[in-house]
Amino acid sequence: MLAGPRYLFALARDGYGPSLLGGVHPRFRTPAAAVVLQTAIALPLALSGTFVELAAVSVMARLATYVGTAAAVPVLRRKLEPQEIFSQIIQHKWLLSEQSGRDIGMAPAVQA
């Protein structure tokens, strides 16, 4: 439940998804629209199936995510210079670690 909305948020922020999912809640600084969408998808699935069916859906969703990420690597290598790739990786790690720290009340520790 925590990784899915962050993935949608990052895609939207980079321009690969609906811009609505790239917004953050003004008070809590969390990707509220992405969390609501993830919940709207996950809740009916969780209430409708058995554990085995849910595990299979989870495996397929993770596999689709991994395949999409792996397929993007050669494309991004052709489009971006090596230094640009490195700076974007660092920027996203910083964004995710700072945002995750805020979510659990550790912003000062993350920023230090």
Protein backbone atom coordinates (compact mmCIF):
# COMPACT_ATOMS: atom_id res chain seq x y z
CA MET A 1 0.00 0.00 0.00
CA LEU A 2 2.95 2.35 0.53
CA ALA A 3 4.96 1.76 -2.65
CA GLY A 4 2.10 1.84 -5.17
CA PRO A 5 1.03 5.45 -4.59
CA ARG A 6 4.67 6.59 -4.60
CA TYR A 7 5.20 4.91 -7.95
CA LEU A 8 2.12 6.63 -9.41
CA PHE A 9 3.24 9.94 -7.87
CA ALA A 10 6.74 9.69 -9.36
CA LEU A 11 5.39 8.80 -12.81
CA ALA A 12 2.98 11.73 -12.74
CA ARG A 13 5.66 14.14 -11.51
CA ASP A 14 7.94 13.10 -14.38
CA GLY A 15 5.14 13.62 -16.91
CA TYR A 16 4.36 9.95 -17.59
CA GLY A 17 0.98 9.88 -15.87
CA PRO A 18 -2.01 12.07 -15.09
CA SER A 19 -0.85 15.31 -13.45
CA LEU A 20 -3.56 14.94 -10.79
CA LEU A 21 -1.58 12.03 -9.31
CA GLY A 22 1.53 14.23 -9.02
CA GLY A 23 0.00 16.57 -6.47
CA VAL A 24 0.60 16.49 -2.74
CA HIS A 25 -1.74 17.19 0.15
CA PRO A 26 -1.10 20.74 1.39
CA ARG A 27 -1.02 19.81 5.07
CA PHE A 28 0.41 16.28 5.16
CA ARG A 29 2.63 16.56 2.04
CA THR A 30 1.62 13.08 0.88
CA PRO A 31 0.45 12.07 -2.62
CA ALA A 32 -3.21 12.02 -1.55
CA ALA A 33 -4.76 11.49 -5.00
CA ALA A 34 -2.42 8.57 -5.70
CA VAL A 35 -3.24 7.03 -2.30
CA VAL A 36 -6.99 7.36 -2.96
CA LEU A 37 -6.63 5.78 -6.41
CA GLN A 38 -4.54 2.91 -5.02
CA THR A 39 -7.11 2.35 -2.26
CA ALA A 40 -9.99 2.44 -4.75
CA ILE A 41 -8.28 -0.30 -6.75
CA ALA A 42 -7.00 -2.40 -3.85
CA LEU A 43 -10.07 -2.39 -1.59
CA PRO A 44 -12.49 -4.11 -4.00
CA LEU A 45 -9.80 -6.65 -4.87
CA ALA A 46 -9.11 -7.34 -1.20
CA LEU A 47 -12.79 -7.79 -0.38
CA SER A 48 -13.65 -9.93 -3.37
CA GLY A 49 -11.09 -12.69 -3.52
CA THR A 50 -9.35 -15.39 -1.60
CA PHE A 51 -5.79 -15.05 -0.37
CA VAL A 52 -4.47 -17.20 -3.22
CA GLU A 53 -6.20 -15.04 -5.84
CA LEU A 54 -4.92 -11.85 -4.20
CA ALA A 55 -1.39 -13.23 -4.07
CA ALA A 56 -1.57 -14.03 -7.78
CA VAL A 57 -2.81 -10.52 -8.61
CA SER A 58 -0.02 -9.06 -6.47
CA VAL A 59 2.61 -11.11 -8.28
CA MET A 60 1.28 -10.04 -11.68
CA ALA A 61 1.21 -6.36 -10.66
CA ARG A 62 4.78 -6.50 -9.38
CA LEU A 63 5.90 -8.33 -12.50
CA ALA A 64 4.31 -5.66 -14.71
CA THR A 65 6.11 -2.95 -12.69
CA TYR A 66 9.47 -4.69 -12.96
CA VAL A 67 9.06 -5.36 -16.69
CA GLY A 68 8.12 -1.72 -17.31
CA THR A 69 11.14 -0.51 -15.35
CA ALA A 70 13.51 -2.90 -17.10
CA ALA A 71 12.13 -1.92 -20.51
CA ALA A 72 12.68 1.77 -19.71
CA VAL A 73 16.39 1.38 -18.96
CA PRO A 74 17.66 1.07 -22.56
CA VAL A 75 15.34 3.86 -23.70
CA LEU A 76 16.54 6.23 -20.99
CA ARG A 77 20.17 5.32 -21.64
CA ARG A 78 19.74 6.38 -25.26
CA LYS A 79 17.89 9.59 -24.38
CA LEU A 80 19.94 10.85 -21.44
CA GLU A 81 23.62 11.54 -20.94
CA PRO A 82 25.33 9.48 -18.18
CA GLN A 83 25.71 12.52 -15.89
CA GLU A 84 22.05 13.44 -16.37
CA ILE A 85 20.96 9.90 -15.46
CA PHE A 86 23.06 9.99 -12.29
CA SER A 87 21.69 13.38 -11.22
CA GLN A 88 18.11 12.21 -11.75
CA ILE A 89 18.71 9.08 -9.68
CA ILE A 90 20.15 11.15 -6.84
CA GLN A 91 17.28 13.65 -7.09
CA HIS A 92 14.64 10.90 -6.88
CA LYS A 93 16.38 9.13 -3.98
CA TRP A 94 16.52 12.44 -2.10
CA LEU A 95 12.86 13.19 -2.88
CA LEU A 96 11.66 9.77 -1.78
CA SER A 97 13.77 9.67 1.38
CA GLU A 98 12.73 13.19 2.41
CA GLN A 99 9.07 12.53 1.63
CA SER A 100 9.11 9.17 3.44
CA GLY A 101 10.75 10.78 6.43
CA ARG A 102 8.03 13.42 6.58
CA ASP A 103 5.36 10.75 6.36
CA ILE A 104 6.60 9.07 9.53
CA GLY A 105 7.56 12.25 11.35
CA MET A 106 11.31 12.06 10.80
CA ALA A 107 11.89 15.11 8.56
CA PRO A 108 14.63 16.60 10.77
CA ALA A 109 16.52 13.28 10.83
CA VAL A 110 16.25 12.87 7.06
CA GLN A 111 17.34 16.44 6.34
CA ALA A 112 20.34 16.26 8.69
